[in-house]
């Protein structure tokens, strides 16, 4: 039941335009960083939502943290 709740929660995610104000990060890094730290999503969930490989999400998060 917990996974179903998380899936339903992910369907309603809205990313505010203010997320992209950090110009030092790429748009993809901004989205991954926001979804990880502000919305509490796991990397696998972000990969599912963005239709990207989980390894790519990991790399973008690492780059965003080091910039």
Protein backbone atom coordinates (compact mmCIF):
# COMPACT_ATOMS: atom_id res chain seq x y z
CA UNK A 1 0.00 0.00 0.00
CA UNK A 2 2.88 2.38 0.64
CA UNK A 3 4.15 2.15 -2.93
CA UNK A 4 0.68 2.88 -4.30
CA UNK A 5 0.46 6.02 -2.16
CA UNK A 6 3.86 7.23 -3.37
CA UNK A 7 2.86 6.59 -6.99
CA UNK A 8 -0.36 8.59 -6.54
CA UNK A 9 1.62 11.40 -4.90
CA UNK A 10 4.07 11.49 -7.81
CA UNK A 11 1.26 12.01 -10.32
CA UNK A 12 0.49 15.43 -8.81
CA UNK A 13 3.98 16.92 -8.73
CA UNK A 14 4.30 20.48 -9.99
CA UNK A 15 7.73 22.06 -10.42
CA UNK A 16 7.67 25.82 -9.75
CA UNK A 17 9.44 28.12 -12.20
CA UNK A 18 11.59 29.48 -9.35
CA UNK A 19 13.49 26.18 -9.38
CA UNK A 20 15.25 27.32 -12.55
CA UNK A 21 16.60 30.54 -11.00
CA UNK A 22 19.83 28.76 -10.03
CA UNK A 23 21.64 29.44 -13.27
CA UNK A 24 24.77 27.65 -12.16
CA UNK A 25 22.87 24.37 -12.58
CA UNK A 26 21.51 22.93 -15.81
CA UNK A 27 17.72 22.63 -16.08
CA UNK A 28 17.94 18.86 -15.57
CA UNK A 29 20.14 19.29 -12.49
CA UNK A 30 17.69 21.84 -11.07
CA UNK A 31 14.77 19.44 -11.50
CA UNK A 32 16.62 16.48 -9.98
CA UNK A 33 17.86 18.57 -7.04
CA UNK A 34 14.38 19.99 -6.39
CA UNK A 35 12.62 16.64 -6.57
CA UNK A 36 15.22 15.02 -4.32
CA UNK A 37 15.51 17.61 -1.57
CA UNK A 38 12.23 19.52 -1.69
CA UNK A 39 9.80 16.74 -2.61
CA UNK A 40 11.67 13.81 -1.04
CA UNK A 41 11.60 11.55 -4.10
CA UNK A 42 14.06 8.72 -4.57
CA UNK A 43 16.35 8.62 -7.59
CA UNK A 44 14.45 5.66 -9.04
CA UNK A 45 11.18 7.61 -8.79
CA UNK A 46 12.71 10.63 -10.50
CA UNK A 47 14.04 8.36 -13.24
CA UNK A 48 10.56 6.93 -13.71
CA UNK A 49 8.94 10.37 -13.88
CA UNK A 50 11.48 11.83 -16.28
CA UNK A 51 11.87 8.62 -18.31
CA UNK A 52 15.62 8.63 -17.80
CA UNK A 53 18.12 6.07 -16.61
CA UNK A 54 18.57 6.05 -12.80
CA UNK A 55 22.34 6.31 -13.29
CA UNK A 56 21.83 9.58 -15.17
CA UNK A 57 19.72 10.92 -12.30
CA UNK A 58 22.48 9.95 -9.88
CA UNK A 59 25.13 11.74 -11.96
CA UNK A 60 23.01 14.89 -12.26
CA UNK A 61 22.42 14.96 -8.52
CA UNK A 62 26.15 14.56 -7.80
CA UNK A 63 27.00 17.37 -10.25
CA UNK A 64 24.35 19.64 -8.71
CA UNK A 65 25.69 19.02 -5.19
CA UNK A 66 29.25 19.87 -6.20
CA UNK A 67 28.52 23.08 -8.09
